[in-house]
Amino acid sequence: MSRATLAGVSVGDGLDVAVVGVVNVSPESFYGGSVVEEADRLLQVAEAMAEAGAAWLDVGAMSTAPYLATRIPAAQEADRLHWAVGLLAGKLDRPLSADTSRTLPAQAALDAGARIINDVTGLGSDPDLGALVATTGAGLVLMASPAGAPTGLAPLETVRAALQRGLALAGAAGILEDRIVVDPGIGFFRSGVVDWAAWDCQVLAGLGALRALGRPIHVGVSRKSFIGALASGPPPGHGPIDAADRLPGSLAATAAAVLAGAHVIRTHDVAETVQAVRIAQAIRGARDREAAR
């Protein structure tokens, strides 16, 4: 049975699928609707997500979209995280995660009250981050990263290899296994053996194969570009679907991820996603009970 406990929240097999709310204080983020820069509004948005059922909130202070040139100085990211996490930690009854891959911002967030680090590079970009997570006892969302991943393999094989590398780095740093969940990096692999939208579909369809890693599976599909690519098309004259209009597709992808075995869903839209997750989870349960008969 695969389970983990991050910031006091248990996730994994036999437990309800957890929903994680995304809050961004980075104006360069790919989805402008997720960006909040005023203190009162930030608290209002966070409280609404908590009331809607978010298990924890993931605070981002620098966009990680792989197709955008949005890197900012580490000190600036640290300042943003310290401000946002500090504001929310003192007033919110939910754990906080920091979406960062660098030690300086991570330390600032942890000092301000964050208890989880969400690293989209799978501990592959900053050699000191793993040690920080280990010594502070923080939870870790470990994402599969294209950087350093093998090339020429099928999508699931590539993702599994990238996650195995990240888990090895986590183990070497002394991070306890039961504080780690893994993420297949939907939207981040854009130069593989198949088209990037097809890549994401194959990974989502085959999530069950990642169970062999022994860690709960965390998935973020919310408003990502593969949804826009797949949903655009006929009728004639129907143009590209940008992030602001991808909620229906996000909910469809969320349901597919839950049916395929996801344990945690990260989203910009907590209330809508909680409802989709509950339905998909009920269907998954009925399917599994029937298969066990």
C-alpha atoms as a PDB file:
ATOM      1  CA  MET A   1       0.000   0.000   0.000  1.00  0.00           C
ATOM      2  CA  SER A   2       1.426   3.361  -1.072  1.00  0.00           C
ATOM      3  CA  ARG A   3       0.883   6.228   1.360  1.00  0.00           C
ATOM      4  CA  ALA A   4       2.632   9.412   2.442  1.00  0.00           C
ATOM      5  CA  THR A   5       2.036  12.147   4.980  1.00  0.00           C
ATOM      6  CA  LEU A   6       2.855  15.707   3.995  1.00  0.00           C
ATOM      7  CA  ALA A   7       2.381  18.454   6.578  1.00  0.00           C
ATOM      8  CA  GLY A   8       0.037  16.200   8.529  1.00  0.00           C
ATOM      9  CA  VAL A   9      -2.092  15.315   5.476  1.00  0.00           C
ATOM     10  CA  SER A  10      -2.124  11.617   4.634  1.00  0.00           C
ATOM     11  CA  VAL A  11      -2.550  10.688   0.964  1.00  0.00           C
ATOM     12  CA  GLY A  12      -2.406   7.476  -0.996  1.00  0.00           C
ATOM     13  CA  ASP A  13      -4.093   4.123  -1.414  1.00  0.00           C
ATOM     14  CA  GLY A  14      -7.385   3.669   0.374  1.00  0.00           C
ATOM     15  CA  LEU A  15      -7.749   7.378   1.142  1.00  0.00           C
ATOM     16  CA  ASP A  16      -9.836  10.064  -0.507  1.00  0.00           C
ATOM     17  CA  VAL A  17      -8.109  11.850  -3.379  1.00  0.00           C
ATOM     18  CA  ALA A  18      -6.709  15.119  -2.057  1.00  0.00           C
ATOM     19  CA  VAL A  19      -7.182  18.388  -3.930  1.00  0.00           C
ATOM     20  CA  VAL A  20      -4.456  21.039  -3.735  1.00  0.00           C
ATOM     21  CA  GLY A  21      -5.232  24.666  -4.520  1.00  0.00           C
ATOM     22  CA  VAL A  22      -2.833  26.818  -6.571  1.00  0.00           C
ATOM     23  CA  VAL A  23      -2.168  30.407  -5.513  1.00  0.00           C
ATOM     24  CA  ASN A  24       0.278  32.469  -7.556  1.00  0.00           C
ATOM     25  CA  VAL A  25       1.910  35.760  -6.596  1.00  0.00           C
ATOM     26  CA  SER A  26       3.924  35.769  -9.801  1.00  0.00           C
ATOM     27  CA  PRO A  27       2.466  38.172 -12.390  1.00  0.00           C
ATOM     28  CA  GLU A  28       4.298  36.284 -15.151  1.00  0.00           C
ATOM     29  CA  SER A  29       2.324  33.056 -14.562  1.00  0.00           C
ATOM     30  CA  PHE A  30       0.767  31.429 -17.620  1.00  0.00           C
ATOM     31  CA  TYR A  31      -2.779  31.726 -16.238  1.00  0.00           C
ATOM     32  CA  GLY A  32      -3.505  35.284 -15.201  1.00  0.00           C
ATOM     33  CA  GLY A  33      -6.635  34.231 -13.365  1.00  0.00           C
ATOM     34  CA  SER A  34      -4.494  32.532 -10.722  1.00  0.00           C
ATOM     35  CA  VAL A  35      -2.385  35.593  -9.919  1.00  0.00           C
ATOM     36  CA  VAL A  36      -3.072  37.518  -6.705  1.00  0.00           C
ATOM     37  CA  GLU A  37      -0.798  40.342  -5.572  1.00  0.00           C
ATOM     38  CA  GLU A  38      -2.883  42.226  -2.977  1.00  0.00           C
ATOM     39  CA  ALA A  39      -2.880  40.988   0.617  1.00  0.00           C
ATOM     40  CA  ASP A  40      -6.632  41.162   1.223  1.00  0.00           C
ATOM     41  CA  ARG A  41      -7.407  39.414  -2.046  1.00  0.00           C
ATOM     42  CA  LEU A  42      -4.764  36.739  -1.435  1.00  0.00           C
ATOM     43  CA  LEU A  43      -6.294  35.854   1.912  1.00  0.00           C
ATOM     44  CA  GLN A  44      -9.795  35.876   0.441  1.00  0.00           C
ATOM     45  CA  VAL A  45      -8.827  33.513  -2.387  1.00  0.00           C
ATOM     46  CA  ALA A  46      -6.956  31.185  -0.046  1.00  0.00           C
ATOM     47  CA  GLU A  47      -9.812  31.023   2.450  1.00  0.00           C
ATOM     48  CA  ALA A  48     -12.269  30.234  -0.342  1.00  0.00           C
ATOM     49  CA  MET A  49     -10.082  27.362  -1.520  1.00  0.00           C
ATOM     50  CA  ALA A  50      -9.834  26.006   2.008  1.00  0.00           C
ATOM     51  CA  GLU A  51     -13.593  26.197   2.472  1.00  0.00           C
ATOM     52  CA  ALA A  52     -14.106  24.440  -0.872  1.00  0.00           C
ATOM     53  CA  GLY A  53     -12.071  21.469   0.290  1.00  0.00           C
ATOM     54  CA  ALA A  54      -8.394  22.061  -0.490  1.00  0.00           C
ATOM     55  CA  ALA A  55      -6.132  19.769   1.545  1.00  0.00           C
ATOM     56  CA  TRP A  56      -3.294  22.276   1.252  1.00  0.00           C
ATOM     57  CA  LEU A  57      -2.391  25.316  -0.840  1.00  0.00           C
ATOM     58  CA  ASP A  58       0.588  25.516  -3.182  1.00  0.00           C
ATOM     59  CA  VAL A  59       2.043  29.029  -3.403  1.00  0.00           C
ATOM     60  CA  GLY A  60       4.030  29.958  -6.501  1.00  0.00           C
ATOM     61  CA  ALA A  61       6.240  33.033  -6.791  1.00  0.00           C
ATOM     62  CA  MET A  62       7.887  32.341 -10.148  1.00  0.00           C
ATOM     63  CA  SER A  63       6.254  30.776 -13.181  1.00  0.00           C
ATOM     64  CA  THR A  64       7.598  27.327 -14.016  1.00  0.00           C
ATOM     65  CA  ALA A  65       5.875  27.017 -17.410  1.00  0.00           C
ATOM     66  CA  PRO A  66       8.551  25.422 -19.631  1.00  0.00           C
ATOM     67  CA  TYR A  67       7.586  27.441 -22.701  1.00  0.00           C
ATOM     68  CA  LEU A  68       7.901  30.864 -21.022  1.00  0.00           C
ATOM     69  CA  ALA A  69      11.042  32.864 -20.257  1.00  0.00           C
ATOM     70  CA  THR A  70      10.015  33.841 -16.735  1.00  0.00           C
ATOM     71  CA  ARG A  71      13.040  33.165 -14.544  1.00  0.00           C
ATOM     72  CA  ILE A  72      13.590  35.844 -11.900  1.00  0.00           C
ATOM     73  CA  PRO A  73      16.410  36.299  -9.364  1.00  0.00           C
ATOM     74  CA  ALA A  74      16.280  33.874  -6.453  1.00  0.00           C
ATOM     75  CA  ALA A  75      16.150  36.752  -3.984  1.00  0.00           C
ATOM     76  CA  GLN A  76      13.050  38.167  -5.661  1.00  0.00           C
ATOM     77  CA  GLU A  77      11.325  34.794  -5.618  1.00  0.00           C
ATOM     78  CA  ALA A  78      12.295  34.416  -1.958  1.00  0.00           C
ATOM     79  CA  ASP A  79      10.819  37.806  -1.070  1.00  0.00           C
ATOM     80  CA  ARG A  80       7.556  36.992  -2.820  1.00  0.00           C
ATOM     81  CA  LEU A  81       7.251  33.609  -1.112  1.00  0.00           C
ATOM     82  CA  HIS A  82       8.135  34.940   2.318  1.00  0.00           C
ATOM     83  CA  TRP A  83       5.465  37.620   2.025  1.00  0.00           C
ATOM     84  CA  ALA A  84       2.702  35.371   0.688  1.00  0.00           C
ATOM     85  CA  VAL A  85       3.360  32.343   2.876  1.00  0.00           C
ATOM     86  CA  GLY A  86       3.842  34.520   5.946  1.00  0.00           C
ATOM     87  CA  LEU A  87       0.511  36.218   5.348  1.00  0.00           C
ATOM     88  CA  LEU A  88      -1.390  32.969   4.835  1.00  0.00           C
ATOM     89  CA  ALA A  89       0.328  30.867   7.488  1.00  0.00           C
ATOM     90  CA  GLY A  90      -0.807  33.180  10.227  1.00  0.00           C
ATOM     91  CA  LYS A  91      -4.460  33.161   9.204  1.00  0.00           C
ATOM     92  CA  LEU A  92      -5.230  29.957   7.293  1.00  0.00           C
ATOM     93  CA  ASP A  93      -6.082  26.566   8.772  1.00  0.00           C
ATOM     94  CA  ARG A  94      -4.479  24.647   5.921  1.00  0.00           C
ATOM     95  CA  PRO A  95      -0.855  23.609   5.327  1.00  0.00           C
ATOM     96  CA  LEU A  96       1.108  25.550   2.733  1.00  0.00           C
ATOM     97  CA  SER A  97       3.422  24.352   0.018  1.00  0.00           C
ATOM     98  CA  ALA A  98       6.043  26.401  -1.848  1.00  0.00           C
ATOM     99  CA  ASP A  99       6.347  25.790  -5.574  1.00  0.00           C
ATOM    100  CA  THR A 100      10.092  26.325  -5.968  1.00  0.00           C
ATOM    101  CA  SER A 101      13.227  24.538  -7.097  1.00  0.00           C
ATOM    102  CA  ARG A 102      15.793  26.771  -5.378  1.00  0.00           C
ATOM    103  CA  THR A 103      17.146  26.675  -1.846  1.00  0.00           C
ATOM    104  CA  LEU A 104      16.974  30.394  -1.060  1.00  0.00           C
ATOM    105  CA  PRO A 105      13.249  30.757  -1.885  1.00  0.00           C
ATOM    106  CA  ALA A 106      12.498  27.413  -0.249  1.00  0.00           C
ATOM    107  CA  GLN A 107      14.212  28.495   2.958  1.00  0.00           C
ATOM    108  CA  ALA A 108      12.283  31.773   2.922  1.00  0.00           C
ATOM    109  CA  ALA A 109       8.997  29.919   2.488  1.00  0.00           C
ATOM    110  CA  LEU A 110       9.772  27.387   5.209  1.00  0.00           C
ATOM    111  CA  ASP A 111      10.819  30.161   7.575  1.00  0.00           C
ATOM    112  CA  ALA A 112       7.475  31.859   6.897  1.00  0.00           C
ATOM    113  CA  GLY A 113       5.449  28.724   7.648  1.00  0.00           C
ATOM    114  CA  ALA A 114       5.400  26.482   4.565  1.00  0.00           C
ATOM    115  CA  ARG A 115       5.681  22.763   5.303  1.00  0.00           C
ATOM    116  CA  ILE A 116       5.906  21.247   1.819  1.00  0.00           C
ATOM    117  CA  ILE A 117       8.222  21.921  -1.124  1.00  0.00           C
ATOM    118  CA  ASN A 118       6.955  21.304  -4.656  1.00  0.00           C
ATOM    119  CA  ASP A 119      10.006  20.937  -6.905  1.00  0.00           C
ATOM    120  CA  VAL A 120       9.335  20.700 -10.649  1.00  0.00           C
ATOM    121  CA  THR A 121      12.970  19.760 -11.282  1.00  0.00           C
ATOM    122  CA  GLY A 122      12.892  16.633  -9.141  1.00  0.00           C
ATOM    123  CA  LEU A 123      15.799  17.863  -6.976  1.00  0.00           C
ATOM    124  CA  GLY A 124      17.863  18.125 -10.134  1.00  0.00           C
ATOM    125  CA  SER A 125      18.596  21.849 -10.310  1.00  0.00           C
ATOM    126  CA  ASP A 126      19.815  22.850  -6.842  1.00  0.00           C
ATOM    127  CA  PRO A 127      22.110  20.415  -5.013  1.00  0.00           C
ATOM    128  CA  ASP A 128      21.299  21.951  -1.621  1.00  0.00           C
ATOM    129  CA  LEU A 129      17.517  21.735  -1.799  1.00  0.00           C
ATOM    130  CA  GLY A 130      17.256  18.071  -0.857  1.00  0.00           C
ATOM    131  CA  ALA A 131      19.299  18.592   2.295  1.00  0.00           C
ATOM    132  CA  LEU A 132      17.071  21.522   3.293  1.00  0.00           C
ATOM    133  CA  VAL A 133      13.922  19.432   2.866  1.00  0.00           C
ATOM    134  CA  ALA A 134      15.473  16.603   4.864  1.00  0.00           C
ATOM    135  CA  THR A 135      16.685  18.705   7.785  1.00  0.00           C
ATOM    136  CA  THR A 136      13.432  20.626   8.121  1.00  0.00           C
ATOM    137  CA  GLY A 137      11.226  17.540   7.825  1.00  0.00           C
ATOM    138  CA  ALA A 138       9.210  19.156   5.046  1.00  0.00           C
ATOM    139  CA  GLY A 139       7.063  17.134   2.700  1.00  0.00           C
ATOM    140  CA  LEU A 140       8.166  16.889  -0.937  1.00  0.00           C
ATOM    141  CA  VAL A 141       6.293  16.855  -4.215  1.00  0.00           C
ATOM    142  CA  LEU A 142       8.899  15.362  -6.540  1.00  0.00           C
ATOM    143  CA  MET A 143       8.166  16.027 -10.209  1.00  0.00           C
ATOM    144  CA  ALA A 144       9.619  14.205 -13.191  1.00  0.00           C
ATOM    145  CA  SER A 145      11.860  16.656 -15.013  1.00  0.00           C
ATOM    146  CA  PRO A 146      12.950  16.513 -18.655  1.00  0.00           C
ATOM    147  CA  ALA A 147      16.391  17.772 -17.626  1.00  0.00           C
ATOM    148  CA  GLY A 148      18.619  14.736 -17.293  1.00  0.00           C
ATOM    149  CA  ALA A 149      15.863  12.317 -18.311  1.00  0.00           C
ATOM    150  CA  PRO A 150      16.740   9.649 -20.886  1.00  0.00           C
ATOM    151  CA  THR A 151      15.861  10.402 -24.500  1.00  0.00           C
ATOM    152  CA  GLY A 152      14.246   8.226 -27.109  1.00  0.00           C
ATOM    153  CA  LEU A 153      12.066   6.265 -24.702  1.00  0.00           C
ATOM    154  CA  ALA A 154       8.276   6.033 -24.646  1.00  0.00           C
ATOM    155  CA  PRO A 155       6.555   8.648 -22.450  1.00  0.00           C
ATOM    156  CA  LEU A 156       5.882   6.451 -19.418  1.00  0.00           C
ATOM    157  CA  GLU A 157       9.347   4.918 -19.510  1.00  0.00           C
ATOM    158  CA  THR A 158      10.898   8.389 -19.634  1.00  0.00           C
ATOM    159  CA  VAL A 159       8.773   9.685 -16.768  1.00  0.00           C
ATOM    160  CA  ARG A 160       9.439   6.622 -14.647  1.00  0.00           C
ATOM    161  CA  ALA A 161      13.194   6.935 -15.198  1.00  0.00           C
ATOM    162  CA  ALA A 162      13.116  10.645 -14.305  1.00  0.00           C
ATOM    163  CA  LEU A 163      11.206   9.917 -11.110  1.00  0.00           C
ATOM    164  CA  GLN A 164      13.553   7.084 -10.170  1.00  0.00           C
ATOM    165  CA  ARG A 165      16.446   9.526 -10.517  1.00  0.00           C
ATOM    166  CA  GLY A 166      14.658  12.058  -8.315  1.00  0.00           C
ATOM    167  CA  LEU A 167      13.825   9.472  -5.685  1.00  0.00           C
ATOM    168  CA  ALA A 168      17.464   8.408  -5.606  1.00  0.00           C
ATOM    169  CA  LEU A 169      18.497  12.023  -5.032  1.00  0.00           C
ATOM    170  CA  ALA A 170      15.894  12.337  -2.280  1.00  0.00           C
ATOM    171  CA  GLY A 171      17.141   9.190  -0.598  1.00  0.00           C
ATOM    172  CA  ALA A 172      20.752  10.346  -0.787  1.00  0.00           C
ATOM    173  CA  ALA A 173      19.723  13.638   0.827  1.00  0.00           C
ATOM    174  CA  GLY A 174      18.051  11.818   3.702  1.00  0.00           C
ATOM    175  CA  ILE A 175      14.428  12.672   2.876  1.00  0.00           C
ATOM    176  CA  LEU A 176      12.108  10.090   4.390  1.00  0.00           C
ATOM    177  CA  GLU A 177      10.229   8.117   1.771  1.00  0.00           C
ATOM    178  CA  ASP A 178       6.886   8.521   3.530  1.00  0.00           C
ATOM    179  CA  ARG A 179       7.101  12.307   3.066  1.00  0.00           C
ATOM    180  CA  ILE A 180       7.348  12.119  -0.733  1.00  0.00           C
ATOM    181  CA  VAL A 181       4.737  12.056  -3.478  1.00  0.00           C
ATOM    182  CA  VAL A 182       5.668  11.848  -7.168  1.00  0.00           C
ATOM    183  CA  ASP A 183       4.354  13.896 -10.086  1.00  0.00           C
ATOM    184  CA  PRO A 184       4.636  12.824 -13.766  1.00  0.00           C
ATOM    185  CA  GLY A 185       5.244  16.384 -14.988  1.00  0.00           C
ATOM    186  CA  ILE A 186       2.250  16.886 -17.246  1.00  0.00           C
ATOM    187  CA  GLY A 187       3.012  19.760 -19.629  1.00  0.00           C
ATOM    188  CA  PHE A 188       6.765  19.755 -19.078  1.00  0.00           C
ATOM    189  CA  PHE A 189       7.936  17.159 -21.609  1.00  0.00           C
ATOM    190  CA  ARG A 190       7.711  18.958 -24.932  1.00  0.00           C
ATOM    191  CA  SER A 191      10.416  17.412 -27.110  1.00  0.00           C
ATOM    192  CA  GLY A 192       9.928  13.672 -26.752  1.00  0.00           C
ATOM    193  CA  VAL A 193       9.299  10.839 -29.179  1.00  0.00           C
ATOM    194  CA  VAL A 194       5.685  11.921 -29.733  1.00  0.00           C
ATOM    195  CA  ASP A 195       3.841  15.233 -29.949  1.00  0.00           C
ATOM    196  CA  TRP A 196       3.698  16.901 -26.532  1.00  0.00           C
ATOM    197  CA  ALA A 197      -0.111  16.755 -26.256  1.00  0.00           C
ATOM    198  CA  ALA A 198      -0.082  13.059 -27.181  1.00  0.00           C
ATOM    199  CA  TRP A 199       2.725  12.592 -24.627  1.00  0.00           C
ATOM    200  CA  ASP A 200       0.563  13.978 -21.826  1.00  0.00           C
ATOM    201  CA  CYS A 201      -2.360  11.795 -22.867  1.00  0.00           C
ATOM    202  CA  GLN A 202      -0.221   8.654 -22.843  1.00  0.00           C
ATOM    203  CA  VAL A 203       1.164   9.464 -19.404  1.00  0.00           C
ATOM    204  CA  LEU A 204      -2.263  10.174 -17.934  1.00  0.00           C
ATOM    205  CA  ALA A 205      -3.705   7.007 -19.451  1.00  0.00           C
ATOM    206  CA  GLY A 206      -0.872   4.939 -18.004  1.00  0.00           C
ATOM    207  CA  LEU A 207      -0.541   6.473 -14.539  1.00  0.00           C
ATOM    208  CA  GLY A 208      -1.034   3.070 -12.986  1.00  0.00           C
ATOM    209  CA  ALA A 209       2.397   2.031 -14.238  1.00  0.00           C
ATOM    210  CA  LEU A 210       3.966   4.569 -11.882  1.00  0.00           C
ATOM    211  CA  ARG A 211       2.625   2.687  -8.866  1.00  0.00           C
ATOM    212  CA  ALA A 212       5.728   0.513  -9.123  1.00  0.00           C
ATOM    213  CA  LEU A 213       7.663   3.458  -7.655  1.00  0.00           C
ATOM    214  CA  GLY A 214       5.853   2.927  -4.354  1.00  0.00           C
ATOM    215  CA  ARG A 215       4.860   6.562  -3.872  1.00  0.00           C
ATOM    216  CA  PRO A 216       1.459   8.284  -4.072  1.00  0.00           C
ATOM    217  CA  ILE A 217       0.865  10.034  -7.390  1.00  0.00           C
ATOM    218  CA  HIS A 218       0.335  13.805  -7.542  1.00  0.00           C
ATOM    219  CA  VAL A 219      -1.002  15.213 -10.831  1.00  0.00           C
ATOM    220  CA  GLY A 220      -1.355  18.767 -12.122  1.00  0.00           C
ATOM    221  CA  VAL A 221      -3.380  19.175 -15.309  1.00  0.00           C
ATOM    222  CA  SER A 222      -5.171  22.406 -14.475  1.00  0.00           C
ATOM    223  CA  ARG A 223      -5.569  24.717 -17.492  1.00  0.00           C
ATOM    224  CA  LYS A 224      -2.404  23.394 -19.127  1.00  0.00           C
ATOM    225  CA  SER A 225      -1.622  23.890 -22.782  1.00  0.00           C
ATOM    226  CA  PHE A 226      -2.228  20.287 -23.865  1.00  0.00           C
ATOM    227  CA  ILE A 227      -5.890  20.872 -23.009  1.00  0.00           C
ATOM    228  CA  GLY A 228      -6.008  23.889 -25.300  1.00  0.00           C
ATOM    229  CA  ALA A 229      -4.296  21.933 -28.063  1.00  0.00           C
ATOM    230  CA  LEU A 230      -6.674  18.975 -27.815  1.00  0.00           C
ATOM    231  CA  ALA A 231      -9.859  21.013 -27.416  1.00  0.00           C
ATOM    232  CA  SER A 232      -9.164  23.468 -30.243  1.00  0.00           C
ATOM    233  CA  GLY A 233     -10.476  22.626 -33.685  1.00  0.00           C
ATOM    234  CA  PRO A 234     -13.903  22.223 -35.336  1.00  0.00           C
ATOM    235  CA  PRO A 235     -16.350  23.793 -35.786  1.00  0.00           C
ATOM    236  CA  PRO A 236     -14.832  25.974 -38.528  1.00  0.00           C
ATOM    237  CA  GLY A 237     -13.529  29.268 -37.217  1.00  0.00           C
ATOM    238  CA  HIS A 238     -13.003  27.975 -33.698  1.00  0.00           C
ATOM    239  CA  GLY A 239      -9.600  29.291 -32.663  1.00  0.00           C
ATOM    240  CA  PRO A 240      -7.100  28.305 -29.972  1.00  0.00           C
ATOM    241  CA  ILE A 241      -8.421  27.851 -26.453  1.00  0.00           C
ATOM    242  CA  ASP A 242      -6.376  29.852 -23.999  1.00  0.00           C
ATOM    243  CA  ALA A 243      -5.870  29.176 -20.301  1.00  0.00           C
ATOM    244  CA  ALA A 244      -8.874  31.241 -19.228  1.00  0.00           C
ATOM    245  CA  ASP A 245     -11.227  28.912 -21.159  1.00  0.00           C
ATOM    246  CA  ARG A 246      -9.753  25.524 -20.245  1.00  0.00           C
ATOM    247  CA  LEU A 247     -11.775  24.689 -17.131  1.00  0.00           C
ATOM    248  CA  PRO A 248     -14.036  22.074 -18.787  1.00  0.00           C
ATOM    249  CA  GLY A 249     -11.035  20.312 -20.293  1.00  0.00           C
ATOM    250  CA  SER A 250      -9.209  20.517 -16.982  1.00  0.00           C
ATOM    251  CA  LEU A 251     -12.077  18.769 -15.224  1.00  0.00           C
ATOM    252  CA  ALA A 252     -12.176  16.059 -17.894  1.00  0.00           C
ATOM    253  CA  ALA A 253      -8.422  15.485 -17.528  1.00  0.00           C
ATOM    254  CA  THR A 254      -8.800  15.467 -13.745  1.00  0.00           C
ATOM    255  CA  ALA A 255     -11.447  12.765 -13.898  1.00  0.00           C
ATOM    256  CA  ALA A 256      -9.246  10.712 -16.217  1.00  0.00           C
ATOM    257  CA  ALA A 257      -6.286  11.088 -13.835  1.00  0.00           C
ATOM    258  CA  VAL A 258      -8.343   9.939 -10.842  1.00  0.00           C
ATOM    259  CA  LEU A 259      -9.703   6.951 -12.760  1.00  0.00           C
ATOM    260  CA  ALA A 260      -6.126   6.085 -13.735  1.00  0.00           C
ATOM    261  CA  GLY A 261      -4.963   6.119 -10.120  1.00  0.00           C
ATOM    262  CA  ALA A 262      -3.997   9.652  -9.058  1.00  0.00           C
ATOM    263  CA  HIS A 263      -3.969  10.265  -5.298  1.00  0.00           C
ATOM    264  CA  VAL A 264      -3.547  14.063  -5.326  1.00  0.00           C
ATOM    265  CA  ILE A 265      -4.849  16.630  -7.835  1.00  0.00           C
ATOM    266  CA  ARG A 266      -3.364  20.135  -8.046  1.00  0.00           C
ATOM    267  CA  THR A 267      -5.711  22.772  -9.439  1.00  0.00           C
ATOM    268  CA  HIS A 268      -6.442  26.469  -9.882  1.00  0.00           C
ATOM    269  CA  ASP A 269     -10.176  25.762  -9.428  1.00  0.00           C
ATOM    270  CA  VAL A 270     -10.738  23.972  -6.142  1.00  0.00           C
ATOM    271  CA  ALA A 271     -14.539  23.911  -5.824  1.00  0.00           C
ATOM    272  CA  GLU A 272     -15.134  22.608  -9.346  1.00  0.00           C
ATOM    273  CA  THR A 273     -12.285  20.124  -9.089  1.00  0.00           C
ATOM    274  CA  VAL A 274     -13.458  18.728  -5.745  1.00  0.00           C
ATOM    275  CA  GLN A 275     -16.792  17.895  -7.352  1.00  0.00           C
ATOM    276  CA  ALA A 276     -15.141  16.227 -10.371  1.00  0.00           C
ATOM    277  CA  VAL A 277     -12.790  14.277  -8.110  1.00  0.00           C
ATOM    278  CA  ARG A 278     -15.625  12.979  -5.940  1.00  0.00           C
ATOM    279  CA  ILE A 279     -17.531  11.651  -8.959  1.00  0.00           C
ATOM    280  CA  ALA A 280     -14.453  10.078 -10.542  1.00  0.00           C
ATOM    281  CA  GLN A 281     -13.433   8.562  -7.219  1.00  0.00           C
ATOM    282  CA  ALA A 282     -16.873   7.030  -6.753  1.00  0.00           C
ATOM    283  CA  ILE A 283     -16.718   5.498 -10.226  1.00  0.00           C
ATOM    284  CA  ARG A 284     -13.185   4.233  -9.579  1.00  0.00           C
ATOM    285  CA  GLY A 285     -14.336   2.640  -6.340  1.00  0.00           C
ATOM    286  CA  ALA A 286     -17.257   0.917  -8.037  1.00  0.00           C
ATOM    287  CA  ARG A 287     -14.965  -0.381 -10.782  1.00  0.00           C
ATOM    288  CA  ASP A 288     -12.421  -1.698  -8.301  1.00  0.00           C
ATOM    289  CA  ARG A 289     -15.048  -3.404  -6.152  1.00  0.00           C
ATOM    290  CA  GLU A 290     -16.511  -5.084  -9.211  1.00  0.00           C
ATOM    291  CA  ALA A 291     -13.078  -6.239 -10.341  1.00  0.00           C
ATOM    292  CA  ALA A 292     -12.445  -7.738  -6.899  1.00  0.00           C
ATOM    293  CA  ARG A 293     -15.620  -9.860  -6.950  1.00  0.00           C
END
